[in-house]
């Protein structure tokens, strides 16, 4: 598969995930500030999108292995911290 075709397919996949995130965020009851099903789902979709963007468009996937693993670990820590803060805020509401 050529690099150009791969980037087009990844772009289409990312666009589909964006539409899915929008659909998840706009459905259901809009009066609640937090929704235990929607917010973690949208956060997980954002994690997948960030992984594809860093790997394919920033070309970390074609660089040295340590860059790939460092960005993966960084995103995992960032997602975990954001999710922990979300759960903490949800417990306080």
Protein backbone atom coordinates (compact mmCIF):
# COMPACT_ATOMS: atom_id res chain seq x y z
CA UNK A 1 0.00 0.00 0.00
CA UNK A 2 1.40 3.38 -0.92
CA UNK A 3 1.91 6.07 1.70
CA UNK A 4 -0.56 8.35 -0.09
CA UNK A 5 -3.31 5.71 -0.08
CA UNK A 6 -2.66 4.89 3.58
CA UNK A 7 -2.94 8.57 4.55
CA UNK A 8 -6.20 8.90 2.63
CA UNK A 9 -7.63 5.82 4.38
CA UNK A 10 -6.48 7.03 7.80
CA UNK A 11 -7.96 10.47 7.09
CA UNK A 12 -11.31 8.86 6.14
CA UNK A 13 -11.21 6.72 9.30
CA UNK A 14 -10.47 9.79 11.45
CA UNK A 15 -13.33 11.67 9.81
CA UNK A 16 -15.65 8.76 10.60
CA UNK A 17 -14.51 8.76 14.23
CA UNK A 18 -15.19 12.51 14.40
CA UNK A 19 -18.75 11.96 13.18
CA UNK A 20 -19.16 9.12 15.71
CA UNK A 21 -17.93 11.38 18.54
CA UNK A 22 -20.34 14.11 17.50
CA UNK A 23 -23.22 11.63 17.35
CA UNK A 24 -22.42 10.22 20.79
CA UNK A 25 -22.12 13.69 22.33
CA UNK A 26 -25.39 15.04 20.90
CA UNK A 27 -27.73 12.13 21.57
CA UNK A 28 -29.80 11.62 24.68
CA UNK A 29 -30.55 13.90 27.59
CA UNK A 30 -28.71 17.23 27.35
CA UNK A 31 -29.55 18.37 30.90
CA UNK A 32 -26.91 16.29 32.70
CA UNK A 33 -23.38 17.68 32.96
CA UNK A 34 -21.80 14.22 33.05
CA UNK A 35 -22.81 10.99 31.38
CA UNK A 36 -20.88 7.88 32.41
CA UNK A 37 -21.43 6.24 29.03
CA UNK A 38 -20.83 9.08 26.62
CA UNK A 39 -17.85 10.92 28.08
CA UNK A 40 -15.53 7.90 28.45
CA UNK A 41 -16.53 6.78 24.94
CA UNK A 42 -15.68 10.16 23.44
CA UNK A 43 -12.42 10.21 25.40
CA UNK A 44 -11.48 6.76 24.10
CA UNK A 45 -12.26 7.82 20.53
CA UNK A 46 -10.03 10.87 21.06
CA UNK A 47 -7.24 8.57 22.25
CA UNK A 48 -7.52 6.43 19.12
CA UNK A 49 -7.58 9.52 16.91
CA UNK A 50 -4.50 10.97 18.62
CA UNK A 51 -2.66 7.68 18.16
CA UNK A 52 -3.36 7.65 14.41
CA UNK A 53 -2.46 11.33 14.01
CA UNK A 54 0.86 10.97 15.83
CA UNK A 55 1.72 7.68 14.15
CA UNK A 56 0.72 8.50 10.57
CA UNK A 57 0.63 12.25 10.09
CA UNK A 58 3.49 13.14 12.43
CA UNK A 59 5.29 9.97 11.25
CA UNK A 60 6.27 8.72 14.70
CA UNK A 61 5.41 5.24 13.45
CA UNK A 62 8.17 5.44 10.82
CA UNK A 63 10.80 6.80 13.19
CA UNK A 64 12.94 5.03 15.76
CA UNK A 65 11.12 2.55 17.97
CA UNK A 66 11.70 4.57 21.12
CA UNK A 67 9.72 7.49 19.66
CA UNK A 68 6.77 5.22 18.94
CA UNK A 69 6.81 3.77 22.45
CA UNK A 70 7.46 7.12 24.15
CA UNK A 71 4.48 8.75 22.42
CA UNK A 72 2.32 5.72 23.19
CA UNK A 73 3.28 5.85 26.89
CA UNK A 74 2.76 9.64 26.98
CA UNK A 75 -0.74 9.29 25.50
CA UNK A 76 -1.58 6.48 27.90
CA UNK A 77 -0.52 8.56 30.90
CA UNK A 78 -2.36 11.63 29.63
CA UNK A 79 -5.55 9.66 28.96
CA UNK A 80 -5.33 7.96 32.37
CA UNK A 81 -4.89 11.31 34.13
CA UNK A 82 -7.81 12.90 32.26
CA UNK A 83 -10.04 9.89 32.94
CA UNK A 84 -9.09 9.87 36.64
CA UNK A 85 -9.93 13.57 36.88
CA UNK A 86 -13.25 12.90 35.14
CA UNK A 87 -14.11 10.14 37.61
CA UNK A 88 -13.05 12.32 40.55
CA UNK A 89 -15.23 15.19 39.34
CA UNK A 90 -18.13 12.80 38.75
CA UNK A 91 -17.93 11.55 42.33
CA UNK A 92 -18.08 15.10 43.66
CA UNK A 93 -21.20 16.08 41.68
